[in-house]
Amino acid sequence: MDELAGVLDRRAEALIIDGLLVAVVVGALGYLVGTAVVGGSLGGLGVLFLTLEFGVPIVFLVYQAAFEGYYGQTLGKRARGIVVVKDDGSQCTWGAAIVRNLLRVVDMLPVFYLVGIVSAYVTDDHQRVGDFAASTVVVQAE
């Protein structure tokens, strides 16, 4: 198997792991807050749905940028053995992490990360739009 193609597979797996992690944590907190503030399990479910729809996307972007800016990898990327670095091989910076994750919105278009997937498959370094803008690449961790 091509090493870079393997990184693409692991990127997708890491995205799923991170998405589930954020959804579970934010959803659980939303449910608990809803139950306490609104009252009862129905209130908790209402706030749960609101946090899943509006809170998760925001928390997900902040989580991705924070972990990549500080560690170079999220928990999902760490579990899958990949890391974000600058295209010159240096450590990912906070600015680069913020840029690549803000442009994740473009990579998601029109559905299911289609722009990001196509971009990653047709470029030599398998970069999505956010990676181009931030001058980053995702590589196998050492």
Protein backbone atom coordinates (compact mmCIF):
# COMPACT_ATOMS: atom_id res chain seq x y z
CA MET A 1 0.00 0.00 0.00
CA ASP A 2 1.25 3.47 -0.85
CA GLU A 3 2.43 5.20 2.34
CA LEU A 4 0.66 8.47 1.51
CA ALA A 5 -2.59 6.68 0.66
CA GLY A 6 -2.34 5.03 4.07
CA VAL A 7 -2.05 8.47 5.66
CA LEU A 8 -5.23 9.53 3.84
CA ASP A 9 -7.07 6.52 5.24
CA ARG A 10 -5.81 7.31 8.73
CA ARG A 11 -6.84 10.97 8.32
CA ALA A 12 -10.41 9.84 7.67
CA GLU A 13 -10.33 7.47 10.63
CA ALA A 14 -8.90 10.20 12.88
CA LEU A 15 -11.65 12.59 11.77
CA ILE A 16 -14.30 10.03 12.74
CA ILE A 17 -12.66 9.39 16.13
CA ASP A 18 -12.38 13.12 16.86
CA GLY A 19 -15.93 13.82 15.70
CA LEU A 20 -17.37 11.08 17.90
CA LEU A 21 -15.29 12.17 20.87
CA VAL A 22 -16.41 15.80 20.60
CA ALA A 23 -20.05 14.83 19.98
CA VAL A 24 -20.17 12.53 23.02
CA VAL A 25 -18.53 15.04 25.37
CA VAL A 26 -20.47 18.08 24.17
CA GLY A 27 -23.72 16.10 23.96
CA ALA A 28 -23.33 14.74 27.48
CA LEU A 29 -22.58 18.20 28.86
CA GLY A 30 -25.57 19.62 26.95
CA TYR A 31 -27.85 16.96 28.35
CA LEU A 32 -26.63 17.51 31.92
CA VAL A 33 -26.97 21.29 31.66
CA GLY A 34 -30.40 20.97 30.07
CA THR A 35 -31.57 18.59 32.75
CA ALA A 36 -30.33 20.88 35.53
CA VAL A 37 -31.38 24.24 34.07
CA VAL A 38 -34.51 23.46 32.05
CA GLY A 39 -35.56 20.60 34.28
CA GLY A 40 -36.24 16.94 33.65
CA SER A 41 -35.06 14.59 30.99
CA LEU A 42 -37.13 16.26 28.26
CA GLY A 43 -35.35 19.54 28.91
CA GLY A 44 -32.07 17.68 28.83
CA LEU A 45 -32.93 16.12 25.47
CA GLY A 46 -33.90 19.50 24.03
CA VAL A 47 -30.61 21.08 25.04
CA LEU A 48 -28.77 17.92 23.89
CA PHE A 49 -30.15 18.34 20.36
CA LEU A 50 -29.31 22.04 20.33
CA THR A 51 -25.74 21.41 21.45
CA LEU A 52 -25.30 18.64 18.90
CA GLU A 53 -26.51 20.89 16.10
CA PHE A 54 -24.86 24.17 17.06
CA GLY A 55 -22.27 23.46 19.74
CA VAL A 56 -20.47 20.47 18.25
CA PRO A 57 -19.32 22.17 15.02
CA ILE A 58 -17.88 25.12 16.95
CA VAL A 59 -16.25 22.99 19.66
CA PHE A 60 -14.92 20.62 16.98
CA LEU A 61 -13.11 23.43 15.14
CA VAL A 62 -11.70 24.85 18.38
CA TYR A 63 -10.64 21.36 19.54
CA GLN A 64 -8.89 20.62 16.23
CA ALA A 65 -7.07 23.97 16.10
CA ALA A 66 -6.05 23.85 19.77
CA PHE A 67 -4.67 20.31 19.72
CA GLU A 68 -2.93 20.73 16.37
CA GLY A 69 -1.50 24.10 17.40
CA TYR A 70 -0.18 22.78 20.70
CA TYR A 71 0.65 19.12 19.97
CA GLY A 72 0.54 18.86 16.17
CA GLN A 73 -2.14 16.20 16.47
CA THR A 74 -5.59 15.61 17.89
CA LEU A 75 -6.45 12.55 19.95
CA GLY A 76 -7.78 10.86 16.81
CA LYS A 77 -4.61 11.63 14.86
CA ARG A 78 -2.52 10.35 17.76
CA ALA A 79 -4.54 7.13 17.86
CA ARG A 80 -3.99 6.67 14.12
CA GLY A 81 -0.28 7.57 14.20
CA ILE A 82 -0.31 10.76 12.12
CA VAL A 83 0.74 14.34 12.80
CA VAL A 84 0.31 17.77 11.20
CA VAL A 85 3.57 19.56 10.33
CA LYS A 86 4.52 22.59 8.26
CA ASP A 87 5.41 21.69 4.68
CA ASP A 88 9.09 22.35 5.49
CA GLY A 89 8.97 19.65 8.18
CA SER A 90 8.86 21.99 11.16
CA GLN A 91 6.26 21.80 13.92
CA CYS A 92 2.76 23.06 13.14
CA THR A 93 2.21 26.58 14.47
CA TRP A 94 -0.87 28.02 16.13
CA GLY A 95 -1.51 30.26 13.15
CA ALA A 96 -1.27 27.36 10.71
CA ALA A 97 -3.56 25.22 12.87
CA ILE A 98 -6.17 27.97 12.99
CA VAL A 99 -6.02 28.62 9.23
CA ARG A 100 -6.21 24.93 8.24
CA ASN A 101 -9.18 24.37 10.53
CA LEU A 102 -11.11 27.49 9.56
CA LEU A 103 -10.82 26.34 5.95
CA ARG A 104 -12.18 22.94 6.96
CA VAL A 105 -15.55 24.52 6.13
CA VAL A 106 -14.44 24.81 2.48
CA ASP A 107 -13.08 21.25 2.50
CA MET A 108 -16.49 19.98 3.65
CA LEU A 109 -18.26 21.36 0.59
CA PRO A 110 -20.53 20.40 -1.01
CA VAL A 111 -21.06 17.31 1.17
CA PHE A 112 -18.98 14.73 3.03
CA TYR A 113 -15.64 16.55 2.65
CA LEU A 114 -15.81 16.17 -1.13
CA VAL A 115 -13.58 19.19 -1.88
CA GLY A 116 -11.04 18.08 0.73
CA ILE A 117 -11.03 14.47 -0.45
CA VAL A 118 -10.59 15.37 -4.11
CA SER A 119 -7.88 17.89 -3.24
CA ALA A 120 -6.03 15.36 -1.08
CA TYR A 121 -6.11 12.68 -3.76
CA VAL A 122 -4.98 14.86 -6.67
CA THR A 123 -2.12 16.76 -5.01
CA ASP A 124 1.39 15.40 -4.62
CA ASP A 125 1.53 15.94 -0.85
CA HIS A 126 -2.13 14.93 -0.33
CA GLN A 127 -3.10 18.36 0.97
CA ARG A 128 -6.64 19.57 1.37
CA VAL A 129 -7.52 23.25 0.81
CA GLY A 130 -6.84 24.09 4.46
CA ASP A 131 -3.40 22.50 4.23
CA PHE A 132 -2.55 24.56 1.13
CA ALA A 133 -3.52 27.80 2.82
CA ALA A 134 -1.66 26.94 6.03
CA SER A 135 1.36 25.35 4.28
CA THR A 136 0.88 22.13 6.25
CA VAL A 137 0.94 18.42 5.49
CA VAL A 138 -0.20 15.38 7.45
CA VAL A 139 2.46 12.72 7.78
CA GLN A 140 3.07 9.50 9.64
CA ALA A 141 4.24 10.18 13.19
CA GLU A 142 7.67 8.87 14.12
